[in-house]
Amino acid sequence: MNGSKIIYVRADGALLGLTEKEYLAAIRRGKAHIRNAKQNERALKKYEGTINPGKRDS
């Protein structure tokens, strides 16, 4: 990913601007959880929908 910023979502819905490496390090430290990946996907879709309402598919 070349250290490009990606948005990852915490379980409480807070958006994190982290690189993939930082995110994986956070998982290892126990600050983020892999089991929340599906929830993160949903939250991210919801978040993207607020930026581009036309692109959102329900």
PDB file of N, CA and C in Angstrom:
ATOM      1  N   MET A   1       0.824  -1.213   0.000  1.00  0.00           N
ATOM      2  CA  MET A   1       0.000   0.000   0.000  1.00  0.00           C
ATOM      3  C   MET A   1       0.862   1.268   0.000  1.00  0.00           C
ATOM      4  N   ASN A   2       2.148   1.131   0.134  1.00  0.00           N
ATOM      5  CA  ASN A   2       3.083   2.260   0.096  1.00  0.00           C
ATOM      6  C   ASN A   2       2.802   3.322   1.146  1.00  0.00           C
ATOM      7  N   GLY A   3       2.234   2.919   2.285  1.00  0.00           N
ATOM      8  CA  GLY A   3       2.014   3.862   3.368  1.00  0.00           C
ATOM      9  C   GLY A   3       0.933   4.887   3.095  1.00  0.00           C
ATOM     10  N   SER A   4       0.076   4.623   2.107  1.00  0.00           N
ATOM     11  CA  SER A   4      -1.017   5.563   1.845  1.00  0.00           C
ATOM     12  C   SER A   4      -2.037   5.447   2.967  1.00  0.00           C
ATOM     13  N   LYS A   5      -2.669   6.556   3.288  1.00  0.00           N
ATOM     14  CA  LYS A   5      -3.627   6.562   4.386  1.00  0.00           C
ATOM     15  C   LYS A   5      -4.900   5.846   3.974  1.00  0.00           C
ATOM     16  N   ILE A   6      -5.341   4.967   4.851  1.00  0.00           N
ATOM     17  CA  ILE A   6      -6.589   4.244   4.631  1.00  0.00           C
ATOM     18  C   ILE A   6      -7.448   4.526   5.847  1.00  0.00           C
ATOM     19  N   ILE A   7      -8.742   4.551   5.651  1.00  0.00           N
ATOM     20  CA  ILE A   7      -9.609   4.776   6.808  1.00  0.00           C
ATOM     21  C   ILE A   7     -10.015   3.425   7.370  1.00  0.00           C
ATOM     22  N   TYR A   8      -9.694   3.200   8.625  1.00  0.00           N
ATOM     23  CA  TYR A   8     -10.186   2.020   9.322  1.00  0.00           C
ATOM     24  C   TYR A   8     -11.146   2.508  10.390  1.00  0.00           C
ATOM     25  N   VAL A   9     -12.115   1.688  10.720  1.00  0.00           N
ATOM     26  CA  VAL A   9     -13.151   2.107  11.650  1.00  0.00           C
ATOM     27  C   VAL A   9     -13.046   1.304  12.937  1.00  0.00           C
ATOM     28  N   ARG A  10     -13.019   2.006  14.055  1.00  0.00           N
ATOM     29  CA  ARG A  10     -13.024   1.333  15.355  1.00  0.00           C
ATOM     30  C   ARG A  10     -14.402   0.775  15.631  1.00  0.00           C
ATOM     31  N   ALA A  11     -14.491  -0.127  16.586  1.00  0.00           N
ATOM     32  CA  ALA A  11     -15.757  -0.782  16.917  1.00  0.00           C
ATOM     33  C   ALA A  11     -16.836   0.233  17.297  1.00  0.00           C
ATOM     34  N   ASP A  12     -16.451   1.354  17.896  1.00  0.00           N
ATOM     35  CA  ASP A  12     -17.444   2.354  18.310  1.00  0.00           C
ATOM     36  C   ASP A  12     -17.796   3.293  17.159  1.00  0.00           C
ATOM     37  N   GLY A  13     -17.264   3.020  15.967  1.00  0.00           N
ATOM     38  CA  GLY A  13     -17.632   3.812  14.803  1.00  0.00           C
ATOM     39  C   GLY A  13     -16.715   4.976  14.520  1.00  0.00           C
ATOM     40  N   ALA A  14     -15.696   5.182  15.382  1.00  0.00           N
ATOM     41  CA  ALA A  14     -14.768   6.280  15.142  1.00  0.00           C
ATOM     42  C   ALA A  14     -13.881   5.957  13.942  1.00  0.00           C
ATOM     43  N   LEU A  15     -13.665   6.951  13.109  1.00  0.00           N
ATOM     44  CA  LEU A  15     -12.859   6.725  11.914  1.00  0.00           C
ATOM     45  C   LEU A  15     -11.390   7.000  12.224  1.00  0.00           C
ATOM     46  N   LEU A  16     -10.520   6.110  11.752  1.00  0.00           N
ATOM     47  CA  LEU A  16      -9.091   6.273  12.002  1.00  0.00           C
ATOM     48  C   LEU A  16      -8.373   6.401  10.674  1.00  0.00           C
ATOM     49  N   GLY A  17      -7.570   7.460  10.522  1.00  0.00           N
ATOM     50  CA  GLY A  17      -6.753   7.578   9.325  1.00  0.00           C
ATOM     51  C   GLY A  17      -5.422   6.914   9.595  1.00  0.00           C
ATOM     52  N   LEU A  18      -5.303   5.651   9.233  1.00  0.00           N
ATOM     53  CA  LEU A  18      -4.087   4.902   9.538  1.00  0.00           C
ATOM     54  C   LEU A  18      -3.551   4.248   8.275  1.00  0.00           C
ATOM     55  N   THR A  19      -2.252   4.035   8.259  1.00  0.00           N
ATOM     56  CA  THR A  19      -1.701   3.225   7.183  1.00  0.00           C
ATOM     57  C   THR A  19      -1.984   1.769   7.533  1.00  0.00           C
ATOM     58  N   GLU A  20      -1.887   0.900   6.541  1.00  0.00           N
ATOM     59  CA  GLU A  20      -2.153  -0.511   6.787  1.00  0.00           C
ATOM     60  C   GLU A  20      -1.205  -1.058   7.857  1.00  0.00           C
ATOM     61  N   LYS A  21       0.057  -0.633   7.788  1.00  0.00           N
ATOM     62  CA  LYS A  21       1.058  -1.102   8.749  1.00  0.00           C
ATOM     63  C   LYS A  21       0.676  -0.691  10.171  1.00  0.00           C
ATOM     64  N   GLU A  22       0.258   0.564  10.334  1.00  0.00           N
ATOM     65  CA  GLU A  22      -0.141   1.059  11.646  1.00  0.00           C
ATOM     66  C   GLU A  22      -1.343   0.277  12.173  1.00  0.00           C
ATOM     67  N   TYR A  23      -2.277  -0.009  11.257  1.00  0.00           N
ATOM     68  CA  TYR A  23      -3.486  -0.730  11.635  1.00  0.00           C
ATOM     69  C   TYR A  23      -3.148  -2.141  12.111  1.00  0.00           C
ATOM     70  N   LEU A  24      -2.279  -2.824  11.355  1.00  0.00           N
ATOM     71  CA  LEU A  24      -1.892  -4.183  11.726  1.00  0.00           C
ATOM     72  C   LEU A  24      -1.139  -4.184  13.060  1.00  0.00           C
ATOM     73  N   ALA A  25      -0.338  -3.141  13.272  1.00  0.00           N
ATOM     74  CA  ALA A  25       0.377  -3.022  14.542  1.00  0.00           C
ATOM     75  C   ALA A  25      -0.625  -2.829  15.682  1.00  0.00           C
ATOM     76  N   ALA A  26      -1.671  -2.063  15.428  1.00  0.00           N
ATOM     77  CA  ALA A  26      -2.703  -1.815  16.438  1.00  0.00           C
ATOM     78  C   ALA A  26      -3.433  -3.114  16.775  1.00  0.00           C
ATOM     79  N   ILE A  27      -3.682  -3.926  15.760  1.00  0.00           N
ATOM     80  CA  ILE A  27      -4.332  -5.221  15.996  1.00  0.00           C
ATOM     81  C   ILE A  27      -3.439  -6.066  16.903  1.00  0.00           C
ATOM     82  N   ARG A  28      -2.132  -6.071  16.602  1.00  0.00           N
ATOM     83  CA  ARG A  28      -1.205  -6.861  17.405  1.00  0.00           C
ATOM     84  C   ARG A  28      -1.178  -6.378  18.854  1.00  0.00           C
ATOM     85  N   ARG A  29      -1.324  -5.068  19.054  1.00  0.00           N
ATOM     86  CA  ARG A  29      -1.315  -4.525  20.418  1.00  0.00           C
ATOM     87  C   ARG A  29      -2.663  -4.717  21.103  1.00  0.00           C
ATOM     88  N   GLY A  30      -3.662  -5.169  20.316  1.00  0.00           N
ATOM     89  CA  GLY A  30      -4.974  -5.401  20.897  1.00  0.00           C
ATOM     90  C   GLY A  30      -5.847  -4.166  20.911  1.00  0.00           C
ATOM     91  N   LYS A  31      -5.447  -3.107  20.183  1.00  0.00           N
ATOM     92  CA  LYS A  31      -6.255  -1.879  20.172  1.00  0.00           C
ATOM     93  C   LYS A  31      -7.372  -1.977  19.135  1.00  0.00           C
ATOM     94  N   ALA A  32      -7.177  -2.826  18.148  1.00  0.00           N
ATOM     95  CA  ALA A  32      -8.202  -3.034  17.127  1.00  0.00           C
ATOM     96  C   ALA A  32      -8.438  -4.529  17.041  1.00  0.00           C
ATOM     97  N   HIS A  33      -9.588  -4.920  16.576  1.00  0.00           N
ATOM     98  CA  HIS A  33      -9.920  -6.333  16.569  1.00  0.00           C
ATOM     99  C   HIS A  33     -10.323  -6.785  15.173  1.00  0.00           C
ATOM    100  N   ILE A  34      -9.751  -7.903  14.759  1.00  0.00           N
ATOM    101  CA  ILE A  34     -10.061  -8.432  13.434  1.00  0.00           C
ATOM    102  C   ILE A  34     -11.530  -8.815  13.354  1.00  0.00           C
ATOM    103  N   ARG A  35     -12.100  -9.246  14.476  1.00  0.00           N
ATOM    104  CA  ARG A  35     -13.490  -9.703  14.439  1.00  0.00           C
ATOM    105  C   ARG A  35     -14.456  -8.559  14.116  1.00  0.00           C
ATOM    106  N   ASN A  36     -13.973  -7.314  14.194  1.00  0.00           N
ATOM    107  CA  ASN A  36     -14.826  -6.173  13.879  1.00  0.00           C
ATOM    108  C   ASN A  36     -14.759  -5.791  12.404  1.00  0.00           C
ATOM    109  N   ALA A  37     -14.056  -6.596  11.600  1.00  0.00           N
ATOM    110  CA  ALA A  37     -13.845  -6.240  10.203  1.00  0.00           C
ATOM    111  C   ALA A  37     -15.161  -6.047   9.456  1.00  0.00           C
ATOM    112  N   LYS A  38     -16.120  -6.958   9.654  1.00  0.00           N
ATOM    113  CA  LYS A  38     -17.418  -6.838   8.981  1.00  0.00           C
ATOM    114  C   LYS A  38     -18.123  -5.556   9.418  1.00  0.00           C
ATOM    115  N   GLN A  39     -18.086  -5.297  10.709  1.00  0.00           N
ATOM    116  CA  GLN A  39     -18.701  -4.088  11.263  1.00  0.00           C
ATOM    117  C   GLN A  39     -18.023  -2.858  10.668  1.00  0.00           C
ATOM    118  N   ASN A  40     -16.703  -2.916  10.543  1.00  0.00           N
ATOM    119  CA  ASN A  40     -15.948  -1.816   9.963  1.00  0.00           C
ATOM    120  C   ASN A  40     -16.382  -1.567   8.526  1.00  0.00           C
ATOM    121  N   GLU A  41     -16.552  -2.666   7.772  1.00  0.00           N
ATOM    122  CA  GLU A  41     -16.980  -2.551   6.384  1.00  0.00           C
ATOM    123  C   GLU A  41     -18.319  -1.821   6.293  1.00  0.00           C
ATOM    124  N   ARG A  42     -19.257  -2.233   7.162  1.00  0.00           N
ATOM    125  CA  ARG A  42     -20.580  -1.614   7.163  1.00  0.00           C
ATOM    126  C   ARG A  42     -20.484  -0.130   7.494  1.00  0.00           C
ATOM    127  N   ALA A  43     -19.727   0.174   8.543  1.00  0.00           N
ATOM    128  CA  ALA A  43     -19.586   1.560   8.977  1.00  0.00           C
ATOM    129  C   ALA A  43     -18.919   2.400   7.896  1.00  0.00           C
ATOM    130  N   LEU A  44     -17.955   1.791   7.211  1.00  0.00           N
ATOM    131  CA  LEU A  44     -17.242   2.506   6.166  1.00  0.00           C
ATOM    132  C   LEU A  44     -18.177   2.789   4.993  1.00  0.00           C
ATOM    133  N   LYS A  45     -19.012   1.807   4.643  1.00  0.00           N
ATOM    134  CA  LYS A  45     -19.996   1.995   3.575  1.00  0.00           C
ATOM    135  C   LYS A  45     -20.934   3.136   3.939  1.00  0.00           C
ATOM    136  N   LYS A  46     -21.383   3.130   5.188  1.00  0.00           N
ATOM    137  CA  LYS A  46     -22.278   4.164   5.678  1.00  0.00           C
ATOM    138  C   LYS A  46     -21.595   5.524   5.563  1.00  0.00           C
ATOM    139  N   TYR A  47     -20.325   5.562   5.958  1.00  0.00           N
ATOM    140  CA  TYR A  47     -19.537   6.793   5.929  1.00  0.00           C
ATOM    141  C   TYR A  47     -19.355   7.281   4.494  1.00  0.00           C
ATOM    142  N   GLU A  48     -19.032   6.349   3.586  1.00  0.00           N
ATOM    143  CA  GLU A  48     -18.858   6.716   2.188  1.00  0.00           C
ATOM    144  C   GLU A  48     -20.172   7.238   1.610  1.00  0.00           C
ATOM    145  N   GLY A  49     -21.275   6.651   2.071  1.00  0.00           N
ATOM    146  CA  GLY A  49     -22.589   7.073   1.616  1.00  0.00           C
ATOM    147  C   GLY A  49     -22.871   8.525   1.962  1.00  0.00           C
ATOM    148  N   THR A  50     -22.305   9.000   3.072  1.00  0.00           N
ATOM    149  CA  THR A  50     -22.543  10.380   3.467  1.00  0.00           C
ATOM    150  C   THR A  50     -21.748  11.342   2.582  1.00  0.00           C
ATOM    151  N   ILE A  51     -20.635  10.848   2.014  1.00  0.00           N
ATOM    152  CA  ILE A  51     -19.837  11.695   1.132  1.00  0.00           C
ATOM    153  C   ILE A  51     -20.442  11.725  -0.274  1.00  0.00           C
ATOM    154  N   ASN A  52     -20.797  10.541  -0.792  1.00  0.00           N
ATOM    155  CA  ASN A  52     -21.374  10.421  -2.124  1.00  0.00           C
ATOM    156  C   ASN A  52     -22.751   9.771  -2.037  1.00  0.00           C
ATOM    157  N   PRO A  53     -23.775  10.542  -1.675  1.00  0.00           N
ATOM    158  CA  PRO A  53     -25.099   9.955  -1.499  1.00  0.00           C
ATOM    159  C   PRO A  53     -25.594   9.249  -2.777  1.00  0.00           C
ATOM    160  N   GLY A  54     -25.170   9.730  -3.929  1.00  0.00           N
ATOM    161  CA  GLY A  54     -25.619   9.143  -5.184  1.00  0.00           C
ATOM    162  C   GLY A  54     -25.060   7.754  -5.419  1.00  0.00           C
ATOM    163  N   LYS A  55     -23.897   7.485  -4.837  1.00  0.00           N
ATOM    164  CA  LYS A  55     -23.242   6.196  -5.074  1.00  0.00           C
ATOM    165  C   LYS A  55     -23.725   5.111  -4.125  1.00  0.00           C
ATOM    166  N   ARG A  56     -24.440   5.496  -3.105  1.00  0.00           N
ATOM    167  CA  ARG A  56     -24.843   4.536  -2.079  1.00  0.00           C
ATOM    168  C   ARG A  56     -25.911   3.594  -2.611  1.00  0.00           C
ATOM    169  N   ASP A  57     -25.689   2.304  -2.416  1.00  0.00           N
ATOM    170  CA  ASP A  57     -26.717   1.350  -2.803  1.00  0.00           C
ATOM    171  C   ASP A  57     -27.282   0.694  -1.555  1.00  0.00           C
ATOM    172  N   SER A  58     -28.606   0.739  -1.424  1.00  0.00           N
ATOM    173  CA  SER A  58     -29.219   0.219  -0.202  1.00  0.00           C
ATOM    174  C   SER A  58     -29.780  -1.166  -0.413  1.00  0.00           C
TER     175      SER A  58
END
